[in-house]
Structure formats: C-alpha cells, structure tokens
Amino acid sequence: MKVVKGRYADPAQDDPRLVVVDIKPIRGLDRPVSLAEIKANSKFAAFAPVRISRLSVMPVTAMQRAEIDRLSKQSP
C-alpha cells in the first residue's frame, strides 16, 4: 500500500491525538493471509499484531512482507 494523505486527526474521534492516514493499495495478495496463520508461524514471534491485540496499523519489515507474500501463494 501507499500513503496518499499523511496523518490527520481522526474525524470520528474527539481526541486530536488519535490520527488516521489515507492509503491506496499497490498490489494485492494471491489470497488473504489470516491472523491465525501469522500467529502460527514462528517467523512472526516479534510481529506487533501477534504480541499486542487491537492494532490496526503497524510497521511490517521486508522479511515479514516477504513471508506474508509466500504464505498468500500457498493453500490455507
């Protein structure tokens, strides 16, 4: 994905510290990779969504992205 508009206050919230960004997809996966698949893969032990619940936006390393791409090419 690509950020098309940088952070700004979330219009659905009254707290200006809560921000959102606008994004646009660049290319999709062959199939969605579930959080359960990611949690079952030891390569993601330090991945934020595995360690911390309720995250909607988090950094993804190049290795993690490559592994998600690989998983998307496999049958679930």
PDB file of N, CA and C in Angstrom:
ATOM      1  N   MET A   1       0.829  -1.169   0.000  1.00  0.00           N
ATOM      2  CA  MET A   1       0.000   0.000   0.000  1.00  0.00           C
ATOM      3  C   MET A   1       0.878   1.239   0.000  1.00  0.00           C
ATOM      4  N   LYS A   2       0.272   2.327  -0.329  1.00  0.00           N
ATOM      5  CA  LYS A   2       0.980   3.604  -0.370  1.00  0.00           C
ATOM      6  C   LYS A   2       0.143   4.629   0.387  1.00  0.00           C
ATOM      7  N   VAL A   3       0.790   5.438   1.207  1.00  0.00           N
ATOM      8  CA  VAL A   3       0.094   6.512   1.913  1.00  0.00           C
ATOM      9  C   VAL A   3      -0.157   7.633   0.904  1.00  0.00           C
ATOM     10  N   VAL A   4      -1.426   8.013   0.743  1.00  0.00           N
ATOM     11  CA  VAL A   4      -1.764   9.074  -0.200  1.00  0.00           C
ATOM     12  C   VAL A   4      -2.097  10.385   0.499  1.00  0.00           C
ATOM     13  N   LYS A   5      -2.344  10.316   1.790  1.00  0.00           N
ATOM     14  CA  LYS A   5      -2.541  11.521   2.596  1.00  0.00           C
ATOM     15  C   LYS A   5      -2.002  11.224   3.979  1.00  0.00           C
ATOM     16  N   GLY A   6      -1.076  12.054   4.426  1.00  0.00           N
ATOM     17  CA  GLY A   6      -0.429  11.860   5.720  1.00  0.00           C
ATOM     18  C   GLY A   6      -1.395  11.992   6.883  1.00  0.00           C
ATOM     19  N   ARG A   7      -0.876  11.799   8.061  1.00  0.00           N
ATOM     20  CA  ARG A   7      -1.723  11.744   9.250  1.00  0.00           C
ATOM     21  C   ARG A   7      -2.489  13.046   9.476  1.00  0.00           C
ATOM     22  N   TYR A   8      -3.714  12.857   9.973  1.00  0.00           N
ATOM     23  CA  TYR A   8      -4.566  13.965  10.370  1.00  0.00           C
ATOM     24  C   TYR A   8      -5.509  13.450  11.454  1.00  0.00           C
ATOM     25  N   ALA A   9      -6.103  14.376  12.192  1.00  0.00           N
ATOM     26  CA  ALA A   9      -6.981  13.982  13.296  1.00  0.00           C
ATOM     27  C   ALA A   9      -8.124  13.114  12.775  1.00  0.00           C
ATOM     28  N   ASP A  10      -8.418  12.046  13.504  1.00  0.00           N
ATOM     29  CA  ASP A  10      -9.499  11.136  13.135  1.00  0.00           C
ATOM     30  C   ASP A  10     -10.823  11.886  13.257  1.00  0.00           C
ATOM     31  N   PRO A  11     -11.534  12.071  12.142  1.00  0.00           N
ATOM     32  CA  PRO A  11     -12.787  12.826  12.205  1.00  0.00           C
ATOM     33  C   PRO A  11     -13.883  12.130  13.019  1.00  0.00           C
ATOM     34  N   ALA A  12     -13.722  10.842  13.294  1.00  0.00           N
ATOM     35  CA  ALA A  12     -14.721  10.104  14.070  1.00  0.00           C
ATOM     36  C   ALA A  12     -14.457  10.180  15.578  1.00  0.00           C
ATOM     37  N   GLN A  13     -13.378  10.848  15.967  1.00  0.00           N
ATOM     38  CA  GLN A  13     -12.998  10.914  17.378  1.00  0.00           C
ATOM     39  C   GLN A  13     -12.913  12.371  17.835  1.00  0.00           C
ATOM     40  N   ASP A  14     -13.081  12.584  19.119  1.00  0.00           N
ATOM     41  CA  ASP A  14     -12.963  13.928  19.685  1.00  0.00           C
ATOM     42  C   ASP A  14     -11.560  14.215  20.206  1.00  0.00           C
ATOM     43  N   ASP A  15     -10.657  13.273  20.106  1.00  0.00           N
ATOM     44  CA  ASP A  15      -9.305  13.409  20.636  1.00  0.00           C
ATOM     45  C   ASP A  15      -8.333  13.680  19.485  1.00  0.00           C
ATOM     46  N   PRO A  16      -7.733  14.871  19.417  1.00  0.00           N
ATOM     47  CA  PRO A  16      -6.827  15.187  18.305  1.00  0.00           C
ATOM     48  C   PRO A  16      -5.550  14.345  18.297  1.00  0.00           C
ATOM     49  N   ARG A  17      -5.289  13.633  19.396  1.00  0.00           N
ATOM     50  CA  ARG A  17      -4.115  12.753  19.422  1.00  0.00           C
ATOM     51  C   ARG A  17      -4.349  11.481  18.617  1.00  0.00           C
ATOM     52  N   LEU A  18      -5.611  11.152  18.328  1.00  0.00           N
ATOM     53  CA  LEU A  18      -5.943   9.970  17.529  1.00  0.00           C
ATOM     54  C   LEU A  18      -5.952  10.383  16.062  1.00  0.00           C
ATOM     55  N   VAL A  19      -5.061   9.766  15.296  1.00  0.00           N
ATOM     56  CA  VAL A  19      -4.892  10.185  13.906  1.00  0.00           C
ATOM     57  C   VAL A  19      -5.153   9.031  12.942  1.00  0.00           C
ATOM     58  N   VAL A  20      -5.380   9.384  11.699  1.00  0.00           N
ATOM     59  CA  VAL A  20      -5.581   8.422  10.617  1.00  0.00           C
ATOM     60  C   VAL A  20      -4.720   8.839   9.439  1.00  0.00           C
ATOM     61  N   VAL A  21      -4.504   7.925   8.515  1.00  0.00           N
ATOM     62  CA  VAL A  21      -3.853   8.222   7.240  1.00  0.00           C
ATOM     63  C   VAL A  21      -4.716   7.615   6.140  1.00  0.00           C
ATOM     64  N   ASP A  22      -4.648   8.179   4.956  1.00  0.00           N
ATOM     65  CA  ASP A  22      -5.354   7.621   3.811  1.00  0.00           C
ATOM     66  C   ASP A  22      -4.368   6.810   2.991  1.00  0.00           C
ATOM     67  N   ILE A  23      -4.779   5.608   2.592  1.00  0.00           N
ATOM     68  CA  ILE A  23      -3.898   4.711   1.853  1.00  0.00           C
ATOM     69  C   ILE A  23      -4.546   4.250   0.557  1.00  0.00           C
ATOM     70  N   LYS A  24      -3.704   3.740  -0.335  1.00  0.00           N
ATOM     71  CA  LYS A  24      -4.165   3.191  -1.609  1.00  0.00           C
ATOM     72  C   LYS A  24      -3.412   1.882  -1.834  1.00  0.00           C
ATOM     73  N   PRO A  25      -4.117   0.824  -2.229  1.00  0.00           N
ATOM     74  CA  PRO A  25      -3.404  -0.433  -2.487  1.00  0.00           C
ATOM     75  C   PRO A  25      -2.530  -0.321  -3.733  1.00  0.00           C
ATOM     76  N   ILE A  26      -1.375  -0.972  -3.698  1.00  0.00           N
ATOM     77  CA  ILE A  26      -0.479  -1.013  -4.856  1.00  0.00           C
ATOM     78  C   ILE A  26      -0.643  -2.341  -5.576  1.00  0.00           C
ATOM     79  N   ARG A  27      -0.640  -3.420  -4.806  1.00  0.00           N
ATOM     80  CA  ARG A  27      -0.900  -4.740  -5.376  1.00  0.00           C
ATOM     81  C   ARG A  27      -1.445  -5.626  -4.273  1.00  0.00           C
ATOM     82  N   GLY A  28      -2.295  -6.548  -4.662  1.00  0.00           N
ATOM     83  CA  GLY A  28      -2.916  -7.421  -3.690  1.00  0.00           C
ATOM     84  C   GLY A  28      -2.152  -8.719  -3.514  1.00  0.00           C
ATOM     85  N   LEU A  29      -2.561  -9.478  -2.534  1.00  0.00           N
ATOM     86  CA  LEU A  29      -2.024 -10.815  -2.306  1.00  0.00           C
ATOM     87  C   LEU A  29      -2.779 -11.805  -3.178  1.00  0.00           C
ATOM     88  N   ASP A  30      -2.192 -12.971  -3.410  1.00  0.00           N
ATOM     89  CA  ASP A  30      -2.881 -14.017  -4.148  1.00  0.00           C
ATOM     90  C   ASP A  30      -4.136 -14.472  -3.394  1.00  0.00           C
ATOM     91  N   ARG A  31      -4.064 -14.507  -2.073  1.00  0.00           N
ATOM     92  CA  ARG A  31      -5.208 -14.801  -1.216  1.00  0.00           C
ATOM     93  C   ARG A  31      -4.953 -14.122   0.123  1.00  0.00           C
ATOM     94  N   PRO A  32      -5.994 -13.817   0.874  1.00  0.00           N
ATOM     95  CA  PRO A  32      -5.790 -13.236   2.199  1.00  0.00           C
ATOM     96  C   PRO A  32      -5.051 -14.213   3.122  1.00  0.00           C
ATOM     97  N   VAL A  33      -4.181 -13.683   3.951  1.00  0.00           N
ATOM     98  CA  VAL A  33      -3.470 -14.494   4.956  1.00  0.00           C
ATOM     99  C   VAL A  33      -4.082 -14.131   6.303  1.00  0.00           C
ATOM    100  N   SER A  34      -4.622 -15.121   6.984  1.00  0.00           N
ATOM    101  CA  SER A  34      -5.322 -14.863   8.247  1.00  0.00           C
ATOM    102  C   SER A  34      -4.349 -14.568   9.386  1.00  0.00           C
ATOM    103  N   LEU A  35      -4.858 -13.878  10.385  1.00  0.00           N
ATOM    104  CA  LEU A  35      -4.057 -13.629  11.582  1.00  0.00           C
ATOM    105  C   LEU A  35      -3.698 -14.949  12.254  1.00  0.00           C
ATOM    106  N   ALA A  36      -4.586 -15.929  12.200  1.00  0.00           N
ATOM    107  CA  ALA A  36      -4.294 -17.242  12.788  1.00  0.00           C
ATOM    108  C   ALA A  36      -3.079 -17.870  12.103  1.00  0.00           C
ATOM    109  N   GLU A  37      -2.977 -17.745  10.777  1.00  0.00           N
ATOM    110  CA  GLU A  37      -1.806 -18.273  10.058  1.00  0.00           C
ATOM    111  C   GLU A  37      -0.539 -17.556  10.486  1.00  0.00           C
ATOM    112  N   ILE A  38      -0.631 -16.251  10.624  1.00  0.00           N
ATOM    113  CA  ILE A  38       0.535 -15.459  11.034  1.00  0.00           C
ATOM    114  C   ILE A  38       0.958 -15.844  12.448  1.00  0.00           C
ATOM    115  N   LYS A  39       0.001 -15.973  13.358  1.00  0.00           N
ATOM    116  CA  LYS A  39       0.329 -16.337  14.739  1.00  0.00           C
ATOM    117  C   LYS A  39       0.933 -17.728  14.836  1.00  0.00           C
ATOM    118  N   ALA A  40       0.592 -18.623  13.910  1.00  0.00           N
ATOM    119  CA  ALA A  40       1.120 -19.986  13.922  1.00  0.00           C
ATOM    120  C   ALA A  40       2.514 -20.081  13.323  1.00  0.00           C
ATOM    121  N   ASN A  41       3.005 -19.006  12.723  1.00  0.00           N
ATOM    122  CA  ASN A  41       4.299 -19.003  12.043  1.00  0.00           C
ATOM    123  C   ASN A  41       5.344 -18.371  12.962  1.00  0.00           C
ATOM    124  N   SER A  42       6.374 -19.122  13.327  1.00  0.00           N
ATOM    125  CA  SER A  42       7.394 -18.635  14.269  1.00  0.00           C
ATOM    126  C   SER A  42       8.160 -17.423  13.747  1.00  0.00           C
ATOM    127  N   LYS A  43       8.152 -17.186  12.448  1.00  0.00           N
ATOM    128  CA  LYS A  43       8.848 -16.014  11.894  1.00  0.00           C
ATOM    129  C   LYS A  43       8.192 -14.707  12.325  1.00  0.00           C
ATOM    130  N   PHE A  44       6.976 -14.803  12.879  1.00  0.00           N
ATOM    131  CA  PHE A  44       6.252 -13.602  13.279  1.00  0.00           C
ATOM    132  C   PHE A  44       6.184 -13.432  14.799  1.00  0.00           C
ATOM    133  N   ALA A  45       7.055 -14.081  15.537  1.00  0.00           N
ATOM    134  CA  ALA A  45       7.013 -14.008  17.008  1.00  0.00           C
ATOM    135  C   ALA A  45       7.111 -12.566  17.515  1.00  0.00           C
ATOM    136  N   ALA A  46       7.866 -11.717  16.835  1.00  0.00           N
ATOM    137  CA  ALA A  46       8.041 -10.329  17.281  1.00  0.00           C
ATOM    138  C   ALA A  46       7.104  -9.361  16.560  1.00  0.00           C
ATOM    139  N   PHE A  47       6.233  -9.867  15.687  1.00  0.00           N
ATOM    140  CA  PHE A  47       5.324  -9.036  14.902  1.00  0.00           C
ATOM    141  C   PHE A  47       4.271  -8.424  15.836  1.00  0.00           C
ATOM    142  N   ALA A  48       4.058  -7.122  15.749  1.00  0.00           N
ATOM    143  CA  ALA A  48       3.173  -6.411  16.678  1.00  0.00           C
ATOM    144  C   ALA A  48       1.766  -7.015  16.786  1.00  0.00           C
ATOM    145  N   PRO A  49       1.101  -7.388  15.693  1.00  0.00           N
ATOM    146  CA  PRO A  49      -0.254  -7.937  15.855  1.00  0.00           C
ATOM    147  C   PRO A  49      -0.281  -9.278  16.594  1.00  0.00           C
ATOM    148  N   VAL A  50       0.858  -9.966  16.649  1.00  0.00           N
ATOM    149  CA  VAL A  50       0.930 -11.225  17.393  1.00  0.00           C
ATOM    150  C   VAL A  50       1.102 -10.937  18.882  1.00  0.00           C
ATOM    151  N   ARG A  51       1.858  -9.899  19.193  1.00  0.00           N
ATOM    152  CA  ARG A  51       2.156  -9.568  20.593  1.00  0.00           C
ATOM    153  C   ARG A  51       1.117  -8.658  21.240  1.00  0.00           C
ATOM    154  N   ILE A  52       0.516  -7.756  20.459  1.00  0.00           N
ATOM    155  CA  ILE A  52      -0.379  -6.737  21.012  1.00  0.00           C
ATOM    156  C   ILE A  52      -1.710  -6.804  20.264  1.00  0.00           C
ATOM    157  N   SER A  53      -2.785  -7.024  20.988  1.00  0.00           N
ATOM    158  CA  SER A  53      -4.091  -7.091  20.319  1.00  0.00           C
ATOM    159  C   SER A  53      -4.605  -5.691  19.997  1.00  0.00           C
ATOM    160  N   ARG A  54      -5.532  -5.639  19.077  1.00  0.00           N
ATOM    161  CA  ARG A  54      -6.263  -4.434  18.709  1.00  0.00           C
ATOM    162  C   ARG A  54      -5.419  -3.386  17.989  1.00  0.00           C
ATOM    163  N   LEU A  55      -4.386  -3.795  17.296  1.00  0.00           N
ATOM    164  CA  LEU A  55      -3.631  -2.861  16.466  1.00  0.00           C
ATOM    165  C   LEU A  55      -4.224  -2.847  15.069  1.00  0.00           C
ATOM    166  N   SER A  56      -4.356  -1.687  14.481  1.00  0.00           N
ATOM    167  CA  SER A  56      -4.868  -1.618  13.117  1.00  0.00           C
ATOM    168  C   SER A  56      -3.784  -1.179  12.131  1.00  0.00           C
ATOM    169  N   VAL A  57      -2.771  -0.497  12.627  1.00  0.00           N
ATOM    170  CA  VAL A  57      -1.678  -0.037  11.780  1.00  0.00           C
ATOM    171  C   VAL A  57      -0.375  -0.321  12.510  1.00  0.00           C
ATOM    172  N   MET A  58       0.552  -0.962  11.806  1.00  0.00           N
ATOM    173  CA  MET A  58       1.832  -1.264  12.427  1.00  0.00           C
ATOM    174  C   MET A  58       2.884  -1.413  11.348  1.00  0.00           C
ATOM    175  N   PRO A  59       4.155  -1.214  11.700  1.00  0.00           N
ATOM    176  CA  PRO A  59       5.210  -1.416  10.705  1.00  0.00           C
ATOM    177  C   PRO A  59       5.355  -2.894  10.352  1.00  0.00           C
ATOM    178  N   VAL A  60       5.743  -3.151   9.119  1.00  0.00           N
ATOM    179  CA  VAL A  60       5.996  -4.508   8.632  1.00  0.00           C
ATOM    180  C   VAL A  60       7.385  -4.496   8.009  1.00  0.00           C
ATOM    181  N   THR A  61       8.255  -5.388   8.473  1.00  0.00           N
ATOM    182  CA  THR A  61       9.605  -5.450   7.914  1.00  0.00           C
ATOM    183  C   THR A  61       9.561  -6.087   6.528  1.00  0.00           C
ATOM    184  N   ALA A  62      10.629  -5.926   5.783  1.00  0.00           N
ATOM    185  CA  ALA A  62      10.733  -6.548   4.453  1.00  0.00           C
ATOM    186  C   ALA A  62      10.632  -8.066   4.567  1.00  0.00           C
ATOM    187  N   MET A  63      11.241  -8.657   5.603  1.00  0.00           N
ATOM    188  CA  MET A  63      11.167 -10.103   5.803  1.00  0.00           C
ATOM    189  C   MET A  63       9.733 -10.539   6.085  1.00  0.00           C
ATOM    190  N   GLN A  64       9.038  -9.797   6.920  1.00  0.00           N
ATOM    191  CA  GLN A  64       7.658 -10.136   7.240  1.00  0.00           C
ATOM    192  C   GLN A  64       6.775 -10.014   6.002  1.00  0.00           C
ATOM    193  N   ARG A  65       6.964  -8.985   5.220  1.00  0.00           N
ATOM    194  CA  ARG A  65       6.176  -8.826   3.991  1.00  0.00           C
ATOM    195  C   ARG A  65       6.449  -9.983   3.023  1.00  0.00           C
ATOM    196  N   ALA A  66       7.712 -10.362   2.887  1.00  0.00           N
ATOM    197  CA  ALA A  66       8.065 -11.473   2.001  1.00  0.00           C
ATOM    198  C   ALA A  66       7.409 -12.769   2.480  1.00  0.00           C
ATOM    199  N   GLU A  67       7.369 -12.979   3.788  1.00  0.00           N
ATOM    200  CA  GLU A  67       6.748 -14.194   4.323  1.00  0.00           C
ATOM    201  C   GLU A  67       5.236 -14.170   4.114  1.00  0.00           C
ATOM    202  N   ILE A  68       4.605 -13.028   4.293  1.00  0.00           N
ATOM    203  CA  ILE A  68       3.168 -12.912   4.016  1.00  0.00           C
ATOM    204  C   ILE A  68       2.896 -13.180   2.545  1.00  0.00           C
ATOM    205  N   ASP A  69       3.725 -12.640   1.654  1.00  0.00           N
ATOM    206  CA  ASP A  69       3.582 -12.927   0.217  1.00  0.00           C
ATOM    207  C   ASP A  69       3.701 -14.423  -0.051  1.00  0.00           C
ATOM    208  N   ARG A  70       4.687 -15.061   0.578  1.00  0.00           N
ATOM    209  CA  ARG A  70       4.890 -16.502   0.388  1.00  0.00           C
ATOM    210  C   ARG A  70       3.669 -17.285   0.874  1.00  0.00           C
ATOM    211  N   LEU A  71       3.174 -16.932   2.058  1.00  0.00           N
ATOM    212  CA  LEU A  71       2.003 -17.612   2.610  1.00  0.00           C
ATOM    213  C   LEU A  71       0.773 -17.428   1.702  1.00  0.00           C
ATOM    214  N   SER A  72       0.646 -16.257   1.092  1.00  0.00           N
ATOM    215  CA  SER A  72      -0.522 -15.998   0.255  1.00  0.00           C
ATOM    216  C   SER A  72      -0.547 -16.856  -0.992  1.00  0.00           C
ATOM    217  N   LYS A  73       0.604 -17.394  -1.376  1.00  0.00           N
ATOM    218  CA  LYS A  73       0.704 -18.249  -2.563  1.00  0.00           C
ATOM    219  C   LYS A  73       0.411 -19.726  -2.244  1.00  0.00           C
ATOM    220  N   GLN A  74       0.295 -20.058  -0.945  1.00  0.00           N
ATOM    221  CA  GLN A  74       0.021 -21.424  -0.506  1.00  0.00           C
ATOM    222  C   GLN A  74      -1.453 -21.598  -0.217  1.00  0.00           C
ATOM    223  N   SER A  75      -1.896 -22.825  -0.219  1.00  0.00           N
ATOM    224  CA  SER A  75      -3.255 -23.136   0.228  1.00  0.00           C
ATOM    225  C   SER A  75      -3.319 -22.973   1.740  1.00  0.00           C
ATOM    226  N   PRO A  76      -4.441 -22.504   2.242  1.00  0.00           N
ATOM    227  CA  PRO A  76      -4.548 -22.308   3.711  1.00  0.00           C
ATOM    228  C   PRO A  76      -4.508 -23.612   4.479  1.00  0.00           C
TER     229      PRO A  76
END
